Protein backbone atom coordinates (compact mmCIF):
# COMPACT_ATOMS: atom_id res chain seq x y z
CA MET A 1 0.00 0.00 0.00
CA LYS A 2 1.26 3.44 -0.89
CA LYS A 3 2.02 5.73 2.03
CA ILE A 4 3.31 8.69 0.04
CA ILE A 5 1.28 10.13 -2.83
CA ILE A 6 2.81 12.91 -4.91
CA ASP A 7 0.48 15.07 -6.96
CA GLU A 8 2.37 15.42 -10.23
CA GLU A 9 0.46 18.54 -11.25
CA PHE A 10 1.55 20.49 -8.17
CA CYS A 11 5.10 19.20 -7.59
CA LYS A 12 7.78 21.64 -8.75
CA GLY A 13 10.76 19.50 -7.78
CA CYS A 14 12.08 22.01 -5.25
CA GLY A 15 13.65 19.21 -3.21
CA LEU A 16 12.60 20.41 0.24
CA CYS A 17 10.89 17.08 0.93
CA VAL A 18 14.00 15.21 -0.19
CA GLU A 19 16.08 17.09 2.38
CA VAL A 20 13.78 16.47 5.37
CA CYS A 21 12.96 12.78 4.84
CA PRO A 22 14.59 11.00 7.79
CA LYS A 23 14.90 7.75 5.81
CA LYS A 24 16.11 9.51 2.61
CA LEU A 25 13.45 7.72 0.55
CA LEU A 26 12.53 10.62 -1.73
CA LYS A 27 14.55 11.79 -4.72
CA ILE A 28 14.26 14.14 -7.66
CA GLY A 29 13.46 11.96 -10.65
CA SER A 30 13.92 12.42 -14.36
CA LYS A 31 10.19 12.49 -15.18
CA LEU A 32 8.73 15.94 -15.86
CA ASN A 33 5.20 17.12 -15.21
CA LYS A 34 3.11 19.10 -17.71
CA GLN A 35 4.71 22.37 -16.59
CA GLY A 36 8.20 20.96 -17.21
CA TYR A 37 9.23 20.56 -13.57
CA PRO A 38 11.14 17.45 -12.47
CA LEU A 39 9.03 15.32 -10.13
CA VAL A 40 9.93 14.00 -6.74
CA GLU A 41 9.56 10.25 -6.57
CA ILE A 42 9.80 7.31 -4.21
CA ASP A 43 10.59 3.78 -5.31
CA GLU A 44 7.65 1.43 -4.89
CA CYS A 45 9.77 -0.93 -2.77
CA ASP A 46 10.61 1.96 -0.40
CA GLN A 47 6.98 2.74 0.41
CA ASP A 48 7.06 0.16 3.24
CA LYS A 49 10.12 1.87 4.76
CA CYS A 50 8.25 5.16 5.12
CA LEU A 51 7.65 6.17 8.75
CA SER A 52 4.53 8.21 7.85
CA CYS A 53 6.04 11.11 9.79
CA ALA A 54 4.67 13.53 7.15
CA LEU A 55 7.66 15.87 7.34
CA CYS A 56 7.76 15.86 3.55
CA ALA A 57 4.13 16.96 3.33
CA ARG A 58 4.60 19.67 5.94
CA VAL A 59 7.52 21.35 4.17
CA CYS A 60 6.03 21.13 0.66
CA PRO A 61 5.22 24.71 -0.36
CA ASP A 62 2.87 23.49 -3.10
CA VAL A 63 0.90 20.98 -1.00
CA ALA A 64 1.83 18.28 -3.50
CA ILE A 65 2.38 15.44 -1.02
CA THR A 66 -0.15 13.35 0.87
CA VAL A 67 1.05 10.92 3.51
CA LEU A 68 -1.24 8.10 4.51
CA LYS A 69 -0.85 6.61 7.94
CA THR A 70 -1.47 2.90 8.22
CA SER A 71 -2.35 1.03 11.38
CA ASP A 72 -0.15 -1.81 12.54
CA LYS A 73 -3.04 -4.11 13.47
């Protein structure tokens, strides 16, 4: 299950989320959005390593990141 969802239309590839991720799971990718900005991405296999701390979402100036918290039941 995805924990981090990046809205490709709003992401401008500023890299703030990359810097604050405690697990260093986010990176600036080579894919561009419709406006020509490079998108932040997370490898599918790294989704399970995400702590759901939401630091990335909090620092995103364009509100392009949603972090889902999952229960450990």
